Amino acid sequence: MSYKYGFGRDTLSDISLTIKEGEKVSIVGISGSGKTILAKMIVNFFEPYKGQISINHQNLKMIDKKVLRQHINYLPQQAHIFSGSILENLTLGANHSTSQEDILINIRNDIHILKFDTYFQTGQNIKKEKRIKRKIFHSYFIYIYFSM
């Protein structure tokens, strides 16, 4: 597939990528090489002008965007933080079968916050590793993270 902005030259040209189930892939390149565009195309934020993107042999254009995005964990470089506590930010949209106490214990163990109680009062303190925590309370087929 290929992608370009407007009438400019190709940003991505004749890209072919197959990722097998369970496989982990890292897309590496210099700034401006198209890594972010490729990731956004997988999430169906952008469409190729030539070719197609398929998941399980199904063209992304044929998959409802809302359904698709429920199965893709996309963590952009700059994430939106909502007002509220960090706990509320981390569990946003999650299946709430996990108790808040279990969530807090997992977060405390994994991100080593020393002043835990006061630090968790405002969601504005949330950093990238905590935004990843927000995503792991969900179940996805595809995970897309950018370098930290």
C-alpha atoms as a PDB file:
ATOM      1  CA  MET A   1       0.000   0.000   0.000  1.00  0.00           C
ATOM      2  CA  SER A   2       1.009   3.628  -0.414  1.00  0.00           C
ATOM      3  CA  TYR A   3       0.101   6.862   1.351  1.00  0.00           C
ATOM      4  CA  LYS A   4       0.709  10.539   0.663  1.00  0.00           C
ATOM      5  CA  TYR A   5      -0.469  13.831   2.106  1.00  0.00           C
ATOM      6  CA  GLY A   6      -2.723  15.596  -0.381  1.00  0.00           C
ATOM      7  CA  PHE A   7      -1.059  15.878  -3.784  1.00  0.00           C
ATOM      8  CA  GLY A   8       2.510  15.635  -2.452  1.00  0.00           C
ATOM      9  CA  ARG A   9       5.004  12.853  -2.923  1.00  0.00           C
ATOM     10  CA  ASP A  10       4.484   9.459  -1.289  1.00  0.00           C
ATOM     11  CA  THR A  11       5.080   9.349   2.445  1.00  0.00           C
ATOM     12  CA  LEU A  12       4.867   5.551   2.297  1.00  0.00           C
ATOM     13  CA  SER A  13       5.411   3.821  -1.023  1.00  0.00           C
ATOM     14  CA  ASP A  14       4.591   0.197  -1.846  1.00  0.00           C
ATOM     15  CA  ILE A  15       4.683  -0.980   1.775  1.00  0.00           C
ATOM     16  CA  SER A  16       3.947  -4.649   2.383  1.00  0.00           C
ATOM     17  CA  LEU A  17       3.894  -5.961   5.941  1.00  0.00           C
ATOM     18  CA  THR A  18       2.582  -9.234   7.327  1.00  0.00           C
ATOM     19  CA  ILE A  19       2.469  -9.805  11.065  1.00  0.00           C
ATOM     20  CA  LYS A  20       1.504 -13.261  12.286  1.00  0.00           C
ATOM     21  CA  GLU A  21      -0.650 -13.828  15.345  1.00  0.00           C
ATOM     22  CA  GLY A  22       1.421 -13.550  18.521  1.00  0.00           C
ATOM     23  CA  GLU A  23       4.339 -11.959  16.688  1.00  0.00           C
ATOM     24  CA  LYS A  24       5.943  -8.800  18.075  1.00  0.00           C
ATOM     25  CA  VAL A  25       7.198  -6.255  15.575  1.00  0.00           C
ATOM     26  CA  SER A  26       9.141  -3.040  16.051  1.00  0.00           C
ATOM     27  CA  ILE A  27       8.936  -0.364  13.364  1.00  0.00           C
ATOM     28  CA  VAL A  28      12.172   1.635  13.437  1.00  0.00           C
ATOM     29  CA  GLY A  29      13.215   4.618  11.353  1.00  0.00           C
ATOM     30  CA  ILE A  30      14.416   8.188  11.401  1.00  0.00           C
ATOM     31  CA  SER A  31      12.092  11.041  12.232  1.00  0.00           C
ATOM     32  CA  GLY A  32       9.686  11.675   9.366  1.00  0.00           C
ATOM     33  CA  SER A  33      10.102   8.225   7.804  1.00  0.00           C
ATOM     34  CA  GLY A  34       6.411   7.315   8.170  1.00  0.00           C
ATOM     35  CA  LYS A  35       6.286   5.226  11.358  1.00  0.00           C
ATOM     36  CA  THR A  36       3.442   7.251  12.861  1.00  0.00           C
ATOM     37  CA  ILE A  37       1.508   7.316   9.579  1.00  0.00           C
ATOM     38  CA  LEU A  38       1.809   3.529   9.323  1.00  0.00           C
ATOM     39  CA  ALA A  39       0.538   3.119  12.889  1.00  0.00           C
ATOM     40  CA  LYS A  40      -2.354   5.503  12.250  1.00  0.00           C
ATOM     41  CA  MET A  41      -3.228   3.601   9.090  1.00  0.00           C
ATOM     42  CA  ILE A  42      -3.414   0.341  11.054  1.00  0.00           C
ATOM     43  CA  VAL A  43      -5.889   2.051  13.411  1.00  0.00           C
ATOM     44  CA  ASN A  44      -7.721   3.347  10.303  1.00  0.00           C
ATOM     45  CA  PHE A  45      -7.168   7.042  11.072  1.00  0.00           C
ATOM     46  CA  PHE A  46      -5.807   7.344   7.511  1.00  0.00           C
ATOM     47  CA  GLU A  47      -6.432   5.258   4.397  1.00  0.00           C
ATOM     48  CA  PRO A  48      -3.899   4.360   1.710  1.00  0.00           C
ATOM     49  CA  TYR A  49      -4.462   5.922  -1.708  1.00  0.00           C
ATOM     50  CA  LYS A  50      -3.180   2.697  -3.264  1.00  0.00           C
ATOM     51  CA  GLY A  51      -3.524  -0.830  -1.914  1.00  0.00           C
ATOM     52  CA  GLN A  52      -5.199  -1.901   1.281  1.00  0.00           C
ATOM     53  CA  ILE A  53      -4.639  -2.810   4.910  1.00  0.00           C
ATOM     54  CA  SER A  54      -6.097  -6.094   6.107  1.00  0.00           C
ATOM     55  CA  ILE A  55      -6.475  -7.763   9.469  1.00  0.00           C
ATOM     56  CA  ASN A  56      -7.198 -11.501   9.378  1.00  0.00           C
ATOM     57  CA  HIS A  57      -7.663 -11.205   5.599  1.00  0.00           C
ATOM     58  CA  GLN A  58     -10.389  -8.577   6.041  1.00  0.00           C
ATOM     59  CA  ASN A  59      -9.962  -5.139   4.471  1.00  0.00           C
ATOM     60  CA  LEU A  60      -9.968  -2.423   7.150  1.00  0.00           C
ATOM     61  CA  LYS A  61     -12.434  -0.414   5.057  1.00  0.00           C
ATOM     62  CA  MET A  62     -14.979  -3.186   5.646  1.00  0.00           C
ATOM     63  CA  ILE A  63     -14.580  -3.165   9.442  1.00  0.00           C
ATOM     64  CA  ASP A  64     -16.617  -0.703  11.505  1.00  0.00           C
ATOM     65  CA  LYS A  65     -14.126   1.820  12.947  1.00  0.00           C
ATOM     66  CA  LYS A  66     -15.650   1.663  16.426  1.00  0.00           C
ATOM     67  CA  VAL A  67     -15.419  -2.143  16.489  1.00  0.00           C
ATOM     68  CA  LEU A  68     -11.875  -2.055  15.087  1.00  0.00           C
ATOM     69  CA  ARG A  69     -10.670   0.402  17.719  1.00  0.00           C
ATOM     70  CA  GLN A  70     -12.105  -1.724  20.517  1.00  0.00           C
ATOM     71  CA  HIS A  71      -9.546  -4.363  19.515  1.00  0.00           C
ATOM     72  CA  ILE A  72      -6.515  -2.145  18.915  1.00  0.00           C
ATOM     73  CA  ASN A  73      -4.509  -0.653  21.757  1.00  0.00           C
ATOM     74  CA  TYR A  74      -3.068   2.546  20.268  1.00  0.00           C
ATOM     75  CA  LEU A  75      -0.924   4.609  22.621  1.00  0.00           C
ATOM     76  CA  PRO A  76       0.181   7.813  20.861  1.00  0.00           C
ATOM     77  CA  GLN A  77       3.268   9.781  21.857  1.00  0.00           C
ATOM     78  CA  GLN A  78       1.081  12.515  23.338  1.00  0.00           C
ATOM     79  CA  ALA A  79      -1.983  11.099  25.063  1.00  0.00           C
ATOM     80  CA  HIS A  80      -4.969  13.043  26.287  1.00  0.00           C
ATOM     81  CA  ILE A  81      -5.289  13.059  30.051  1.00  0.00           C
ATOM     82  CA  PHE A  82      -8.768  13.534  31.422  1.00  0.00           C
ATOM     83  CA  SER A  83      -9.591  15.491  34.543  1.00  0.00           C
ATOM     84  CA  GLY A  84      -9.989  13.259  37.563  1.00  0.00           C
ATOM     85  CA  SER A  85      -7.717  10.977  39.518  1.00  0.00           C
ATOM     86  CA  ILE A  86      -4.961   8.869  38.012  1.00  0.00           C
ATOM     87  CA  LEU A  87      -6.977   5.784  38.975  1.00  0.00           C
ATOM     88  CA  GLU A  88      -9.897   7.088  36.899  1.00  0.00           C
ATOM     89  CA  ASN A  89      -7.503   7.804  34.000  1.00  0.00           C
ATOM     90  CA  LEU A  90      -5.952   4.331  34.208  1.00  0.00           C
ATOM     91  CA  THR A  91      -9.250   2.483  34.301  1.00  0.00           C
ATOM     92  CA  LEU A  92     -11.016   4.631  31.698  1.00  0.00           C
ATOM     93  CA  GLY A  93     -13.267   2.330  29.680  1.00  0.00           C
ATOM     94  CA  ALA A  94     -11.954  -0.807  31.379  1.00  0.00           C
ATOM     95  CA  ASN A  95     -13.976  -3.819  32.393  1.00  0.00           C
ATOM     96  CA  HIS A  96     -14.555  -3.057  36.049  1.00  0.00           C
ATOM     97  CA  SER A  97     -14.473  -6.693  37.209  1.00  0.00           C
ATOM     98  CA  THR A  98     -11.055  -5.936  38.731  1.00  0.00           C
ATOM     99  CA  SER A  99     -11.354  -4.294  42.136  1.00  0.00           C
ATOM    100  CA  GLN A 100      -9.906  -0.838  42.677  1.00  0.00           C
ATOM    101  CA  GLU A 101      -7.736  -2.276  45.437  1.00  0.00           C
ATOM    102  CA  ASP A 102      -6.196  -4.840  43.043  1.00  0.00           C
ATOM    103  CA  ILE A 103      -5.628  -2.134  40.450  1.00  0.00           C
ATOM    104  CA  LEU A 104      -3.885   0.087  43.000  1.00  0.00           C
ATOM    105  CA  ILE A 105      -1.684  -2.782  44.213  1.00  0.00           C
ATOM    106  CA  ASN A 106      -0.639  -3.612  40.632  1.00  0.00           C
ATOM    107  CA  ILE A 107       0.126   0.002  39.854  1.00  0.00           C
ATOM    108  CA  ARG A 108       2.078   0.470  43.090  1.00  0.00           C
ATOM    109  CA  ASN A 109       4.146  -2.653  42.411  1.00  0.00           C
ATOM    110  CA  ASP A 110       4.827  -1.805  38.790  1.00  0.00           C
ATOM    111  CA  ILE A 111       5.592   1.898  38.786  1.00  0.00           C
ATOM    112  CA  HIS A 112       7.174   2.324  42.225  1.00  0.00           C
ATOM    113  CA  ILE A 113       5.489   5.482  43.418  1.00  0.00           C
ATOM    114  CA  LEU A 114       6.861   6.566  46.793  1.00  0.00           C
ATOM    115  CA  LYS A 115       4.227   9.100  47.790  1.00  0.00           C
ATOM    116  CA  PHE A 116       1.394   6.993  46.455  1.00  0.00           C
ATOM    117  CA  ASP A 117      -1.623   8.493  48.212  1.00  0.00           C
ATOM    118  CA  THR A 118      -0.908  12.145  47.427  1.00  0.00           C
ATOM    119  CA  TYR A 119       0.457  11.418  43.954  1.00  0.00           C
ATOM    120  CA  PHE A 120      -2.774   9.741  42.893  1.00  0.00           C
ATOM    121  CA  GLN A 121      -4.995  12.723  43.642  1.00  0.00           C
ATOM    122  CA  THR A 122      -4.746  14.332  40.218  1.00  0.00           C
ATOM    123  CA  GLY A 123      -4.678  12.815  36.744  1.00  0.00           C
ATOM    124  CA  GLN A 124      -2.382  15.607  35.546  1.00  0.00           C
ATOM    125  CA  ASN A 125       0.578  13.759  37.133  1.00  0.00           C
ATOM    126  CA  ILE A 126       0.198  10.764  34.832  1.00  0.00           C
ATOM    127  CA  LYS A 127       3.245   9.838  32.734  1.00  0.00           C
ATOM    128  CA  LYS A 128       3.638   7.540  29.741  1.00  0.00           C
ATOM    129  CA  GLU A 129       4.268   4.343  31.702  1.00  0.00           C
ATOM    130  CA  LYS A 130       1.052   5.016  33.582  1.00  0.00           C
ATOM    131  CA  ARG A 131      -0.793   5.598  30.302  1.00  0.00           C
ATOM    132  CA  ILE A 132       0.351   2.106  29.321  1.00  0.00           C
ATOM    133  CA  LYS A 133      -1.210   0.887  32.554  1.00  0.00           C
ATOM    134  CA  ARG A 134      -4.456   2.551  31.462  1.00  0.00           C
ATOM    135  CA  LYS A 135      -4.422   0.327  28.400  1.00  0.00           C
ATOM    136  CA  ILE A 136      -3.584  -3.016  30.044  1.00  0.00           C
ATOM    137  CA  PHE A 137      -6.910  -3.178  31.844  1.00  0.00           C
ATOM    138  CA  HIS A 138      -8.437  -3.908  28.440  1.00  0.00           C
ATOM    139  CA  SER A 139      -8.085  -6.913  26.160  1.00  0.00           C
ATOM    140  CA  TYR A 140      -6.809  -6.191  22.635  1.00  0.00           C
ATOM    141  CA  PHE A 141      -5.658  -8.073  19.545  1.00  0.00           C
ATOM    142  CA  ILE A 142      -3.205  -5.401  18.391  1.00  0.00           C
ATOM    143  CA  TYR A 143      -0.967  -3.187  20.534  1.00  0.00           C
ATOM    144  CA  ILE A 144       0.694  -0.073  19.070  1.00  0.00           C
ATOM    145  CA  TYR A 145       3.103   1.853  21.321  1.00  0.00           C
ATOM    146  CA  PHE A 146       5.573   4.578  20.449  1.00  0.00           C
ATOM    147  CA  SER A 147       9.056   4.820  21.960  1.00  0.00           C
ATOM    148  CA  MET A 148       9.229   6.333  25.402  1.00  0.00           C
END
